Amino acid sequence: MIATAASVVNACQTQTGVTTVDIEAVRNGQWPETRQLKCYMYCLWEQFGLVDDKSELSLNGMLTFFQRIPAYRAEVQKAISECKGIEIIEDTEYGEFPDDDKLKCYFKCVLEKFKMMDKDGKIKYNLLKKVIPNAYKELGNEMIDSCSDVDDVDKCEKSFKFMKCMYEVNPIAFIAP
């Protein structure tokens, strides 16, 4: 991920013409009011999937992105803790999906909280695809496409089967919500 981030940073710096001095200033807590810096920041947000179709910052995109960064992971997990404590899902990142109703309904809760599942239990696959950062878009789309036929009358069961399928399609790329 670090190599991908570095290539995006370099590409955005080249594309926008922002100076290294301005970038360093931001790292030191200062925000120079230059057009190049504003364009650079937008470029980063766009490339990392933080901007939606309306060119606005996307909450879902930000949560997905920042959960992958260890320094921010706790904050993101706190945001989704309304559903269930994170302890129950830690092992899913290693392929352990116990037949546990709490775990199943946790996945449903997360999908619903982030508006990825409607009230009728339909998973919004196209919306899921939109929040995938550009660097992972092809891989993420393949995973979602492979699991879009998962179905169940029970929303908890369907959510669980979808997450388990995502893991089975690509255990290395799977990140439990």
Foldseek 3Di string as FASTA:
>chain_A
DVVVLVVQLVVLCVVLVDDPVQVVCVVVVDHDPDPSVVSSVLSSCQQQQQAFPVSHGQPLLVLVRQCVPVVRVVVSQVVLCVLPHCPVCPCVLVVDQDPDLSQLSSLLSVCVVSVQADPQLQGNLVVVLSSHRNVCNVVVNVLSVQQNVQDDNDNSNSSSSSLSSSCVVPSVPRDDD
